[in-house]
Structure formats: structure tokens, C-alpha cells
Amino acid sequence: MCYHRDMTMKNTFLVVDTETGGLSCKKNSILSIAGVIWQPRGEISKLFDFYIKEPVMNVEEKALKINKIDLKTIEDEGLTPIEAVRTIKSALNARFGPDRRPIQLVGHNVAFDLGFIERLYRLAEQDMHLDFRGRALDSCSILQFLMISGKIKGFRASADVLFESAGVKIAEEDRHTAFGDALATAKSLDILLDKF
């Protein structure tokens, strides 16, 4: 049983992205989160994607313009932090089994997302490290290394440069959405893995 669990998680990552009400995980609300299963040279599939409604919403107008999130949608469709963490755990349990180990996260500038995921788990009074490993893989750092080595041209290791370098097209309406960016990041990493 343990062997099966370990085999299903071996070389399996969860690419995450969050959309937020601002840049500060101490002050601003997390508005949405998505997780995409990525097995290098294998599966890329959605695990979860939903809006989050914190008890007190703290958002900045500039952030809402970038991520195109309407607060009425958050009010109507958003999960409370407790419901959100329960949904994440349920999705991980369904995919890997209830006796699973914490999964490794991947993201572009992943420290930003980790701060907001930690905020979400704190609001739900849960420990995120039961679900996610302490270390995460940052595609921003990988891109920056490829730029330093001259493999990819560019000066700024942005998600747009990552997607463009991999030839991943992302529709305008999907850009700066949690699921759209997580999916494009997973696809880009898979392509760059073969390319380099």
C-alpha cells in the first residue's frame, strides 16, 4: 500500500497559482487558487480551481484590474477559507489517497503564492505543511538561470517570457487567472524540459 502511494506521487508536482487583492500576504486577501498536476513528460491536468471569500476582504483596485476578478463573483461563488482548505485536501486525497505524503509545489515566483497559501491555511486554522512540502520549485529561478546561461533571451524572468520562450499560447482572458497561469506554467516547464 505504501509502495503504491509513493509510486503515484513519484515525479508528480502540483503547479499552483493564486490571484490576490494586492501584493502583501500579511494584508491583502487571497481571491482565487488553482492547482494543476504536472508529471514531467506525462500528465498535465487540473486538480482544483476556485474563488475564495475571506471573512474580511482587503483588496486594491489595481490588483482587481490585473486579475479581472469581480468582487460580486467572489461573494457569490467564493469558498470560505475553511471550505477552501477542505476542498484542497479532498482533491489531494482523491488523487493520491488519504495516507499521502505532502506534495511538492511548483509555481512562477512561487514564494508569492506560498505566502498567500500560508495565509489561507492560517485563516482556516490548518497546517499547510501537512499537504505541501516545505520546499517548492520556482520556474522564475529556472528561467533566470536559462537567461544567464544564454539559452533564453531576455532580461526579466516574467511569466510572459516563460510562456513565450516555451511557445505556449495563453488566451488573453485566461492570462492572470489562477488556472490559466498554472496550466501555462506546467506546459512551459514540460516543453523547456525537452528543449534543454
N, C-alpha and C. Protein backbone atom coordinates (compact mmCIF):
# COMPACT_ATOMS: atom_id res chain seq x y z
N MET A 1 0.84 -1.20 0.00
CA MET A 1 0.00 0.00 0.00
C MET A 1 0.87 1.25 0.00
N CYS A 2 1.86 1.32 0.88
CA CYS A 2 2.76 2.47 0.90
C CYS A 2 3.53 2.58 -0.40
N TYR A 3 3.93 1.43 -0.93
CA TYR A 3 4.68 1.43 -2.20
C TYR A 3 3.85 2.06 -3.30
N HIS A 4 2.56 1.69 -3.38
CA HIS A 4 1.66 2.23 -4.40
C HIS A 4 1.53 3.75 -4.24
N ARG A 5 1.34 4.20 -3.00
CA ARG A 5 1.20 5.63 -2.74
C ARG A 5 2.44 6.37 -3.20
N ASP A 6 3.62 5.86 -2.83
CA ASP A 6 4.87 6.52 -3.19
C ASP A 6 5.05 6.56 -4.70
N MET A 7 4.65 5.49 -5.39
CA MET A 7 4.80 5.44 -6.84
C MET A 7 3.88 6.45 -7.53
N THR A 8 2.66 6.65 -7.00
CA THR A 8 1.75 7.59 -7.63
C THR A 8 2.21 9.03 -7.44
N MET A 9 3.00 9.29 -6.40
CA MET A 9 3.48 10.64 -6.14
C MET A 9 4.88 10.88 -6.70
N LYS A 10 5.58 9.83 -7.09
CA LYS A 10 6.94 9.99 -7.58
C LYS A 10 6.94 10.83 -8.86
N ASN A 11 7.78 11.86 -8.88
CA ASN A 11 7.87 12.76 -10.03
C ASN A 11 6.52 13.38 -10.38
N THR A 12 5.70 13.61 -9.37
CA THR A 12 4.44 14.32 -9.57
C THR A 12 4.48 15.60 -8.75
N PHE A 13 4.16 16.70 -9.40
CA PHE A 13 4.22 18.01 -8.77
C PHE A 13 2.85 18.67 -8.88
N LEU A 14 2.62 19.67 -8.04
CA LEU A 14 1.41 20.47 -8.13
C LEU A 14 1.81 21.89 -8.48
N VAL A 15 1.49 22.29 -9.70
CA VAL A 15 1.77 23.67 -10.13
C VAL A 15 0.62 24.53 -9.63
N VAL A 16 0.95 25.54 -8.83
CA VAL A 16 -0.09 26.39 -8.23
C VAL A 16 0.04 27.83 -8.72
N ASP A 17 -1.09 28.50 -8.67
CA ASP A 17 -1.10 29.95 -8.89
C ASP A 17 -2.23 30.53 -8.05
N THR A 18 -2.01 31.73 -7.57
CA THR A 18 -3.04 32.43 -6.80
C THR A 18 -3.28 33.79 -7.45
N GLU A 19 -4.49 34.27 -7.31
CA GLU A 19 -4.81 35.66 -7.65
C GLU A 19 -5.22 36.31 -6.34
N THR A 20 -4.76 37.53 -6.14
CA THR A 20 -4.87 38.15 -4.82
C THR A 20 -5.36 39.59 -4.92
N GLY A 21 -5.72 40.12 -3.78
CA GLY A 21 -6.20 41.50 -3.70
C GLY A 21 -5.10 42.52 -3.55
N GLY A 22 -3.86 42.12 -3.72
CA GLY A 22 -2.71 43.01 -3.59
C GLY A 22 -1.44 42.19 -3.45
N LEU A 23 -0.36 42.85 -3.15
CA LEU A 23 0.95 42.19 -3.12
C LEU A 23 1.36 41.66 -1.75
N SER A 24 0.65 42.06 -0.69
CA SER A 24 1.06 41.69 0.66
C SER A 24 0.20 40.57 1.23
N CYS A 25 0.83 39.41 1.48
CA CYS A 25 0.08 38.29 2.06
C CYS A 25 -0.26 38.54 3.52
N LYS A 26 0.35 39.55 4.13
CA LYS A 26 0.02 39.89 5.52
C LYS A 26 -1.23 40.75 5.58
N LYS A 27 -1.48 41.49 4.48
CA LYS A 27 -2.57 42.46 4.49
C LYS A 27 -3.68 42.13 3.50
N ASN A 28 -3.33 41.74 2.29
CA ASN A 28 -4.32 41.56 1.22
C ASN A 28 -4.92 40.17 1.19
N SER A 29 -6.14 40.08 0.68
CA SER A 29 -6.87 38.81 0.63
C SER A 29 -6.41 37.96 -0.55
N ILE A 30 -6.49 36.65 -0.35
CA ILE A 30 -6.34 35.70 -1.46
C ILE A 30 -7.73 35.57 -2.09
N LEU A 31 -7.80 35.69 -3.42
CA LEU A 31 -9.09 35.72 -4.12
C LEU A 31 -9.37 34.43 -4.89
N SER A 32 -8.33 33.78 -5.39
CA SER A 32 -8.53 32.51 -6.09
C SER A 32 -7.25 31.70 -6.06
N ILE A 33 -7.42 30.40 -6.24
CA ILE A 33 -6.28 29.48 -6.27
C ILE A 33 -6.60 28.34 -7.23
N ALA A 34 -5.56 27.89 -7.93
CA ALA A 34 -5.71 26.73 -8.81
C ALA A 34 -4.49 25.84 -8.64
N GLY A 35 -4.71 24.54 -8.80
CA GLY A 35 -3.63 23.56 -8.75
C GLY A 35 -3.71 22.64 -9.95
N VAL A 36 -2.58 22.47 -10.63
CA VAL A 36 -2.50 21.62 -11.82
C VAL A 36 -1.48 20.52 -11.57
N ILE A 37 -1.89 19.28 -11.74
CA ILE A 37 -0.97 18.15 -11.62
C ILE A 37 0.00 18.18 -12.80
N TRP A 38 1.29 18.07 -12.50
CA TRP A 38 2.30 18.02 -13.57
C TRP A 38 3.23 16.84 -13.31
N GLN A 39 3.23 15.90 -14.23
CA GLN A 39 4.21 14.82 -14.24
C GLN A 39 5.09 15.09 -15.46
N PRO A 40 6.37 15.43 -15.25
CA PRO A 40 7.23 15.76 -16.38
C PRO A 40 7.16 14.70 -17.48
N ARG A 41 6.94 15.20 -18.70
CA ARG A 41 6.76 14.35 -19.90
C ARG A 41 5.56 13.41 -19.76
N GLY A 42 4.60 13.81 -18.95
CA GLY A 42 3.42 12.97 -18.74
C GLY A 42 2.18 13.81 -18.54
N GLU A 43 1.46 13.51 -17.49
CA GLU A 43 0.17 14.13 -17.23
C GLU A 43 0.27 15.61 -16.87
N ILE A 44 -0.63 16.39 -17.44
CA ILE A 44 -0.88 17.77 -17.03
C ILE A 44 -2.40 17.89 -16.94
N SER A 45 -2.93 18.07 -15.72
CA SER A 45 -4.39 18.11 -15.57
C SER A 45 -4.79 18.95 -14.36
N LYS A 46 -5.97 19.52 -14.45
CA LYS A 46 -6.49 20.35 -13.36
C LYS A 46 -6.84 19.49 -12.15
N LEU A 47 -6.42 19.94 -10.97
CA LEU A 47 -6.80 19.26 -9.73
C LEU A 47 -7.87 20.07 -8.99
N PHE A 48 -7.70 21.40 -8.94
CA PHE A 48 -8.72 22.26 -8.34
C PHE A 48 -8.57 23.68 -8.88
N ASP A 49 -9.65 24.45 -8.76
CA ASP A 49 -9.68 25.83 -9.22
C ASP A 49 -10.94 26.47 -8.64
N PHE A 50 -10.77 27.46 -7.76
CA PHE A 50 -11.94 28.09 -7.16
C PHE A 50 -11.60 29.46 -6.59
N TYR A 51 -12.67 30.22 -6.32
CA TYR A 51 -12.54 31.53 -5.67
C TYR A 51 -12.60 31.37 -4.16
N ILE A 52 -12.03 32.36 -3.47
CA ILE A 52 -12.01 32.34 -2.00
C ILE A 52 -12.59 33.65 -1.47
N LYS A 53 -13.44 33.51 -0.47
CA LYS A 53 -14.08 34.66 0.16
C LYS A 53 -13.62 34.72 1.62
N GLU A 54 -12.67 35.59 1.89
CA GLU A 54 -12.21 35.76 3.27
C GLU A 54 -13.29 36.47 4.09
N PRO A 55 -13.29 36.28 5.41
CA PRO A 55 -14.31 36.94 6.25
C PRO A 55 -14.31 38.46 6.09
N VAL A 56 -13.12 39.05 5.98
CA VAL A 56 -12.98 40.48 5.72
C VAL A 56 -12.11 40.61 4.48
N MET A 57 -12.66 41.17 3.42
CA MET A 57 -11.93 41.29 2.15
C MET A 57 -11.08 42.55 2.15
N ASN A 58 -9.80 42.38 1.84
CA ASN A 58 -8.89 43.52 1.73
C ASN A 58 -8.26 43.49 0.34
N VAL A 59 -8.77 44.33 -0.55
CA VAL A 59 -8.32 44.33 -1.94
C VAL A 59 -7.97 45.74 -2.40
N GLU A 60 -7.10 45.79 -3.38
CA GLU A 60 -6.72 47.06 -4.00
C GLU A 60 -7.24 47.08 -5.43
N GLU A 61 -7.70 48.24 -5.87
CA GLU A 61 -8.28 48.40 -7.20
C GLU A 61 -7.31 47.95 -8.29
N LYS A 62 -6.04 48.28 -8.13
CA LYS A 62 -5.02 47.93 -9.13
C LYS A 62 -4.94 46.41 -9.33
N ALA A 63 -5.01 45.67 -8.24
CA ALA A 63 -4.93 44.20 -8.32
C ALA A 63 -6.14 43.65 -9.06
N LEU A 64 -7.32 44.18 -8.79
CA LEU A 64 -8.54 43.70 -9.44
C LEU A 64 -8.52 43.99 -10.95
N LYS A 65 -7.87 45.07 -11.35
CA LYS A 65 -7.75 45.37 -12.79
C LYS A 65 -6.86 44.36 -13.47
N ILE A 66 -5.80 43.93 -12.80
CA ILE A 66 -4.86 42.96 -13.39
C ILE A 66 -5.50 41.57 -13.48
N ASN A 67 -6.09 41.10 -12.37
CA ASN A 67 -6.63 39.73 -12.39
C ASN A 67 -8.09 39.65 -12.85
N LYS A 68 -8.69 40.79 -13.14
CA LYS A 68 -10.04 40.85 -13.74
C LYS A 68 -11.09 40.11 -12.90
N ILE A 69 -10.91 40.13 -11.59
CA ILE A 69 -11.87 39.46 -10.70
C ILE A 69 -12.89 40.48 -10.21
N ASP A 70 -14.15 40.11 -10.31
CA ASP A 70 -15.26 40.93 -9.83
C ASP A 70 -15.59 40.47 -8.41
N LEU A 71 -15.63 41.41 -7.48
CA LEU A 71 -15.89 41.05 -6.08
C LEU A 71 -17.28 40.43 -5.90
N LYS A 72 -18.22 40.74 -6.78
CA LYS A 72 -19.54 40.10 -6.71
C LYS A 72 -19.41 38.60 -6.98
N THR A 73 -18.53 38.24 -7.91
CA THR A 73 -18.27 36.82 -8.19
C THR A 73 -17.70 36.14 -6.95
N ILE A 74 -16.78 36.82 -6.27
CA ILE A 74 -16.20 36.28 -5.03
C ILE A 74 -17.32 36.07 -4.00
N GLU A 75 -18.17 37.07 -3.86
CA GLU A 75 -19.27 37.00 -2.90
C GLU A 75 -20.21 35.83 -3.21
N ASP A 76 -20.52 35.65 -4.51
CA ASP A 76 -21.48 34.62 -4.93
C ASP A 76 -20.88 33.21 -4.96
N GLU A 77 -19.62 33.09 -5.39
CA GLU A 77 -19.04 31.77 -5.66
C GLU A 77 -17.88 31.39 -4.74
N GLY A 78 -17.35 32.36 -3.99
CA GLY A 78 -16.16 32.10 -3.19
C GLY A 78 -16.39 31.15 -2.02
N LEU A 79 -15.40 30.32 -1.76
CA LEU A 79 -15.42 29.42 -0.61
C LEU A 79 -14.79 30.13 0.58
N THR A 80 -15.29 29.85 1.76
CA THR A 80 -14.63 30.37 2.96
C THR A 80 -13.25 29.71 3.06
N PRO A 81 -12.32 30.28 3.82
CA PRO A 81 -11.02 29.63 3.99
C PRO A 81 -11.14 28.18 4.47
N ILE A 82 -12.05 27.90 5.40
CA ILE A 82 -12.22 26.53 5.89
C ILE A 82 -12.68 25.61 4.76
N GLU A 83 -13.66 26.08 3.97
CA GLU A 83 -14.16 25.29 2.84
C GLU A 83 -13.07 25.11 1.78
N ALA A 84 -12.27 26.17 1.57
CA ALA A 84 -11.21 26.12 0.56
C ALA A 84 -10.15 25.07 0.91
N VAL A 85 -9.70 25.08 2.15
CA VAL A 85 -8.68 24.11 2.58
C VAL A 85 -9.27 22.70 2.54
N ARG A 86 -10.52 22.56 2.94
CA ARG A 86 -11.18 21.26 2.88
C ARG A 86 -11.24 20.75 1.43
N THR A 87 -11.50 21.65 0.49
CA THR A 87 -11.58 21.29 -0.93
C THR A 87 -10.22 20.86 -1.45
N ILE A 88 -9.16 21.56 -1.05
CA ILE A 88 -7.80 21.20 -1.46
C ILE A 88 -7.45 19.82 -0.92
N LYS A 89 -7.70 19.61 0.38
CA LYS A 89 -7.39 18.31 0.99
C LYS A 89 -8.16 17.18 0.31
N SER A 90 -9.43 17.42 0.03
CA SER A 90 -10.27 16.42 -0.62
C SER A 90 -9.73 16.07 -2.01
N ALA A 91 -9.30 17.09 -2.76
CA ALA A 91 -8.75 16.86 -4.10
C ALA A 91 -7.44 16.07 -4.01
N LEU A 92 -6.58 16.41 -3.07
CA LEU A 92 -5.32 15.69 -2.89
C LEU A 92 -5.58 14.24 -2.45
N ASN A 93 -6.54 14.05 -1.54
CA ASN A 93 -6.87 12.70 -1.08
C ASN A 93 -7.44 11.85 -2.21
N ALA A 94 -8.29 12.46 -3.04
CA ALA A 94 -8.89 11.72 -4.17
C ALA A 94 -7.82 11.31 -5.17
N ARG A 95 -6.82 12.15 -5.37
CA ARG A 95 -5.77 11.88 -6.36
C ARG A 95 -4.70 10.94 -5.82
N PHE A 96 -4.31 11.12 -4.55
CA PHE A 96 -3.16 10.39 -4.00
C PHE A 96 -3.50 9.46 -2.85
N GLY A 97 -4.72 9.51 -2.35
CA GLY A 97 -5.10 8.68 -1.21
C GLY A 97 -4.94 9.43 0.09
N PRO A 98 -5.72 9.07 1.12
CA PRO A 98 -5.70 9.80 2.38
C PRO A 98 -4.40 9.63 3.17
N ASP A 99 -3.59 8.61 2.85
CA ASP A 99 -2.33 8.41 3.57
C ASP A 99 -1.14 9.00 2.81
N ARG A 100 -1.44 9.91 1.90
CA ARG A 100 -0.41 10.54 1.04
C ARG A 100 0.61 11.33 1.85
N ARG A 101 1.74 11.54 1.21
CA ARG A 101 2.75 12.46 1.75
C ARG A 101 2.47 13.86 1.23
N PRO A 102 3.07 14.89 1.85
CA PRO A 102 2.93 16.24 1.29
C PRO A 102 3.52 16.30 -0.13
N ILE A 103 2.85 17.01 -1.01
CA ILE A 103 3.28 17.11 -2.41
C ILE A 103 4.14 18.36 -2.60
N GLN A 104 5.06 18.29 -3.55
CA GLN A 104 5.91 19.44 -3.83
C GLN A 104 5.19 20.41 -4.75
N LEU A 105 5.22 21.68 -4.37
CA LEU A 105 4.60 22.73 -5.17
C LEU A 105 5.59 23.30 -6.17
N VAL A 106 5.04 23.77 -7.29
CA VAL A 106 5.79 24.46 -8.33
C VAL A 106 5.00 25.71 -8.67
N GLY A 107 5.69 26.79 -8.98
CA GLY A 107 5.00 28.00 -9.41
C GLY A 107 5.98 29.00 -9.96
N HIS A 108 5.45 30.00 -10.64
CA HIS A 108 6.29 31.06 -11.16
C HIS A 108 6.31 32.17 -10.12
N ASN A 109 7.51 32.48 -9.61
CA ASN A 109 7.67 33.36 -8.46
C ASN A 109 6.86 32.78 -7.30
N VAL A 110 7.13 31.52 -7.03
CA VAL A 110 6.31 30.71 -6.13
C VAL A 110 6.30 31.21 -4.69
N ALA A 111 7.30 31.97 -4.28
CA ALA A 111 7.30 32.50 -2.91
C ALA A 111 6.08 33.38 -2.67
N PHE A 112 5.66 34.11 -3.70
CA PHE A 112 4.46 34.95 -3.61
C PHE A 112 3.24 34.08 -3.32
N ASP A 113 3.08 33.02 -4.11
CA ASP A 113 1.92 32.12 -3.93
C ASP A 113 1.97 31.42 -2.57
N LEU A 114 3.17 30.99 -2.16
CA LEU A 114 3.30 30.31 -0.87
C LEU A 114 2.85 31.20 0.28
N GLY A 115 3.19 32.48 0.21
CA GLY A 115 2.76 33.42 1.25
C GLY A 115 1.25 33.47 1.37
N PHE A 116 0.56 33.48 0.22
CA PHE A 116 -0.90 33.55 0.24
C PHE A 116 -1.54 32.20 0.59
N ILE A 117 -0.90 31.11 0.19
CA ILE A 117 -1.42 29.79 0.59
C ILE A 117 -1.28 29.62 2.11
N GLU A 118 -0.16 30.09 2.64
CA GLU A 118 0.03 30.05 4.09
C GLU A 118 -1.04 30.90 4.79
N ARG A 119 -1.34 32.05 4.20
CA ARG A 119 -2.41 32.91 4.75
C ARG A 119 -3.74 32.16 4.78
N LEU A 120 -4.05 31.49 3.65
CA LEU A 120 -5.31 30.74 3.55
C LEU A 120 -5.39 29.67 4.62
N TYR A 121 -4.32 28.90 4.78
CA TYR A 121 -4.32 27.83 5.78
C TYR A 121 -4.38 28.40 7.21
N ARG A 122 -3.74 29.52 7.43
CA ARG A 122 -3.78 30.15 8.75
C ARG A 122 -5.22 30.60 9.08
N LEU A 123 -5.90 31.19 8.09
CA LEU A 123 -7.29 31.61 8.29
C LEU A 123 -8.20 30.41 8.58
N ALA A 124 -7.85 29.26 8.00
CA ALA A 124 -8.63 28.03 8.22
C ALA A 124 -8.16 27.27 9.46
N GLU A 125 -7.14 27.82 10.15
CA GLU A 125 -6.55 27.19 11.34
C GLU A 125 -6.03 25.79 11.03
N GLN A 126 -5.33 25.67 9.90
CA GLN A 126 -4.75 24.40 9.45
C GLN A 126 -3.26 24.59 9.18
N ASP A 127 -2.53 23.49 9.13
CA ASP A 127 -1.09 23.50 8.85
C ASP A 127 -0.87 23.12 7.39
N MET A 128 -0.40 24.06 6.58
CA MET A 128 -0.22 23.79 5.15
C MET A 128 0.84 22.72 4.89
N HIS A 129 1.76 22.53 5.84
CA HIS A 129 2.85 21.57 5.63
C HIS A 129 2.38 20.11 5.73
N LEU A 130 1.15 19.90 6.16
CA LEU A 130 0.58 18.56 6.10
C LEU A 130 0.21 18.19 4.66
N ASP A 131 -0.02 19.21 3.84
CA ASP A 131 -0.40 18.99 2.44
C ASP A 131 0.72 19.27 1.45
N PHE A 132 1.62 20.20 1.80
CA PHE A 132 2.66 20.64 0.87
C PHE A 132 4.04 20.59 1.50
N ARG A 133 5.02 20.16 0.72
CA ARG A 133 6.40 20.11 1.21
C ARG A 133 6.90 21.51 1.53
N GLY A 134 7.90 21.57 2.38
CA GLY A 134 8.48 22.86 2.77
C GLY A 134 9.22 23.55 1.64
N ARG A 135 9.75 22.78 0.71
CA ARG A 135 10.48 23.36 -0.41
C ARG A 135 9.62 23.32 -1.66
N ALA A 136 9.75 24.37 -2.48
CA ALA A 136 8.99 24.44 -3.72
C ALA A 136 9.95 24.72 -4.88
N LEU A 137 9.53 24.36 -6.07
CA LEU A 137 10.31 24.59 -7.29
C LEU A 137 9.80 25.86 -7.95
N ASP A 138 10.72 26.79 -8.22
CA ASP A 138 10.34 28.09 -8.77
C ASP A 138 10.74 28.19 -10.24
N SER A 139 9.75 28.26 -11.13
CA SER A 139 10.05 28.37 -12.56
C SER A 139 10.70 29.70 -12.90
N CYS A 140 10.50 30.70 -12.06
CA CYS A 140 11.16 32.00 -12.25
C CYS A 140 12.68 31.85 -12.13
N SER A 141 13.13 31.09 -11.14
CA SER A 141 14.57 30.85 -10.96
C SER A 141 15.14 30.02 -12.10
N ILE A 142 14.36 29.03 -12.55
CA ILE A 142 14.81 28.21 -13.68
C ILE A 142 14.97 29.07 -14.91
N LEU A 143 13.99 29.93 -15.18
CA LEU A 143 14.04 30.83 -16.33
C LEU A 143 15.22 31.79 -16.24
N GLN A 144 15.44 32.33 -15.06
CA GLN A 144 16.55 33.25 -14.86
C GLN A 144 17.89 32.56 -15.13
N PHE A 145 18.02 31.32 -14.67
CA PHE A 145 19.24 30.56 -14.92
C PHE A 145 19.44 30.34 -16.42
N LEU A 146 18.36 29.99 -17.13
CA LEU A 146 18.45 29.78 -18.58
C LEU A 146 18.81 31.08 -19.30
N MET A 147 18.36 32.21 -18.79
CA MET A 147 18.71 33.50 -19.38
C MET A 147 20.19 33.83 -19.11
N ILE A 148 20.65 33.58 -17.90
CA ILE A 148 22.06 33.83 -17.56
C ILE A 148 22.98 32.97 -18.43
N SER A 149 22.56 31.72 -18.66
CA SER A 149 23.40 30.80 -19.45
C SER A 149 23.31 31.06 -20.95
N GLY A 150 22.43 32.00 -21.36
CA GLY A 150 22.30 32.34 -22.77
C GLY A 150 21.39 31.41 -23.55
N LYS A 151 20.72 30.50 -22.88
CA LYS A 151 19.80 29.57 -23.56
C LYS A 151 18.51 30.27 -23.98
N ILE A 152 18.10 31.25 -23.19
CA ILE A 152 16.88 32.02 -23.47
C ILE A 152 17.24 33.50 -23.43
N LYS A 153 16.71 34.25 -24.38
CA LYS A 153 16.97 35.68 -24.42
C LYS A 153 15.96 36.41 -23.55
N GLY A 154 16.44 37.43 -22.87
CA GLY A 154 15.57 38.24 -22.04
C GLY A 154 16.32 38.79 -20.85
N PHE A 155 15.69 39.77 -20.20
CA PHE A 155 16.31 40.41 -19.05
C PHE A 155 15.47 40.26 -17.79
N ARG A 156 14.20 39.93 -17.96
CA ARG A 156 13.29 39.83 -16.83
C ARG A 156 12.63 38.46 -16.86
N ALA A 157 12.74 37.75 -15.76
CA ALA A 157 12.22 36.37 -15.71
C ALA A 157 10.72 36.37 -15.39
N SER A 158 9.94 37.02 -16.23
CA SER A 158 8.49 37.11 -16.01
C SER A 158 7.79 35.87 -16.57
N ALA A 159 6.54 35.70 -16.16
CA ALA A 159 5.74 34.59 -16.68
C ALA A 159 5.53 34.74 -18.18
N ASP A 160 5.37 35.96 -18.66
CA ASP A 160 5.20 36.18 -20.10
C ASP A 160 6.41 35.69 -20.88
N VAL A 161 7.62 35.95 -20.36
CA VAL A 161 8.84 35.47 -21.02
C VAL A 161 8.91 33.95 -20.97
N LEU A 162 8.50 33.36 -19.84
CA LEU A 162 8.47 31.90 -19.73
C LEU A 162 7.56 31.30 -20.79
N PHE A 163 6.34 31.81 -20.89
CA PHE A 163 5.37 31.26 -21.84
C PHE A 163 5.86 31.46 -23.28
N GLU A 164 6.39 32.64 -23.56
CA GLU A 164 6.88 32.94 -24.91
C GLU A 164 8.07 32.05 -25.27
N SER A 165 8.98 31.85 -24.34
CA SER A 165 10.17 31.02 -24.58
C SER A 165 9.79 29.58 -24.89
N ALA A 166 8.71 29.12 -24.29
CA ALA A 166 8.27 27.75 -24.50
C ALA A 166 7.29 27.64 -25.67
N GLY A 167 6.86 28.79 -26.19
CA GLY A 167 5.89 28.77 -27.28
C GLY A 167 4.49 28.41 -26.82
N VAL A 168 4.20 28.67 -25.55
CA VAL A 168 2.86 28.36 -25.01
C VAL A 168 1.97 29.58 -25.19
N LYS A 169 0.89 29.39 -25.91
CA LYS A 169 -0.07 30.47 -26.14
C LYS A 169 -1.12 30.42 -25.03
N ILE A 170 -1.38 31.58 -24.46
CA ILE A 170 -2.40 31.68 -23.43
C ILE A 170 -3.37 32.78 -23.84
N ALA A 171 -4.64 32.45 -23.89
CA ALA A 171 -5.65 33.43 -24.30
C ALA A 171 -5.67 34.60 -23.33
N GLU A 172 -5.95 35.78 -23.85
CA GLU A 172 -5.95 36.99 -23.03
C GLU A 172 -6.88 36.87 -21.83
N GLU A 173 -8.04 36.23 -22.04
CA GLU A 173 -8.99 36.11 -20.93
C GLU A 173 -8.52 35.11 -19.86
N ASP A 174 -7.57 34.24 -20.22
CA ASP A 174 -7.04 33.26 -19.26
C ASP A 174 -5.79 33.75 -18.53
N ARG A 175 -5.10 34.76 -19.13
CA ARG A 175 -3.90 35.31 -18.51
C ARG A 175 -4.28 36.04 -17.23
N HIS A 176 -3.51 35.89 -16.19
CA HIS A 176 -3.78 36.45 -14.87
C HIS A 176 -5.05 35.87 -14.26
N THR A 177 -5.34 34.60 -14.59
CA THR A 177 -6.31 33.82 -13.82
C THR A 177 -5.49 32.70 -13.18
N ALA A 178 -5.91 32.25 -12.02
CA ALA A 178 -5.12 31.23 -11.31
C ALA A 178 -4.96 29.97 -12.17
N PHE A 179 -6.04 29.47 -12.75
CA PHE A 179 -5.94 28.25 -13.55
C PHE A 179 -5.17 28.48 -14.85
N GLY A 180 -5.45 29.58 -15.54
CA GLY A 180 -4.76 29.86 -16.80
C GLY A 180 -3.26 29.94 -16.63
N ASP A 181 -2.81 30.64 -15.60
CA ASP A 181 -1.37 30.80 -15.37
C ASP A 181 -0.72 29.50 -14.88
N ALA A 182 -1.42 28.75 -14.02
CA ALA A 182 -0.87 27.48 -13.53
C ALA A 182 -0.73 26.48 -14.67
N LEU A 183 -1.74 26.40 -15.53
CA LEU A 183 -1.69 25.48 -16.66
C LEU A 183 -0.59 25.86 -17.64
N ALA A 184 -0.47 27.15 -17.95
CA ALA A 184 0.57 27.61 -18.87
C ALA A 184 1.97 27.38 -18.29
N THR A 185 2.12 27.52 -16.98
CA THR A 185 3.41 27.26 -16.33
C THR A 185 3.78 25.79 -16.45
N ALA A 186 2.83 24.91 -16.17
CA ALA A 186 3.09 23.46 -16.28
C ALA A 186 3.47 23.09 -17.71
N LYS A 187 2.73 23.58 -18.69
CA LYS A 187 3.03 23.29 -20.10
C LYS A 187 4.40 23.83 -20.49
N SER A 188 4.73 25.03 -20.04
CA SER A 188 6.02 25.66 -20.37
C SER A 188 7.17 24.85 -19.81
N LEU A 189 7.04 24.43 -18.55
CA LEU A 189 8.12 23.63 -17.93
C LEU A 189 8.30 22.32 -18.67
N ASP A 190 7.22 21.70 -19.09
CA ASP A 190 7.31 20.43 -19.81
C ASP A 190 8.05 20.62 -21.14
N ILE A 191 7.74 21.71 -21.83
CA ILE A 191 8.39 21.99 -23.13
C ILE A 191 9.88 22.32 -22.92
N LEU A 192 10.17 23.16 -21.92
CA LEU A 192 11.57 23.55 -21.68
C LEU A 192 12.40 22.34 -21.22
N LEU A 193 11.78 21.42 -20.53
CA LEU A 193 12.46 20.20 -20.09
C LEU A 193 13.00 19.44 -21.30
N ASP A 194 12.18 19.31 -22.33
CA ASP A 194 12.62 18.61 -23.55
C ASP A 194 13.59 19.45 -24.37
N LYS A 195 13.37 20.76 -24.37
CA LYS A 195 14.19 21.67 -25.18
C LYS A 195 15.62 21.76 -24.67
N PHE A 196 15.80 21.74 -23.35
CA PHE A 196 17.14 21.92 -22.78
C PHE A 196 17.61 20.70 -22.03
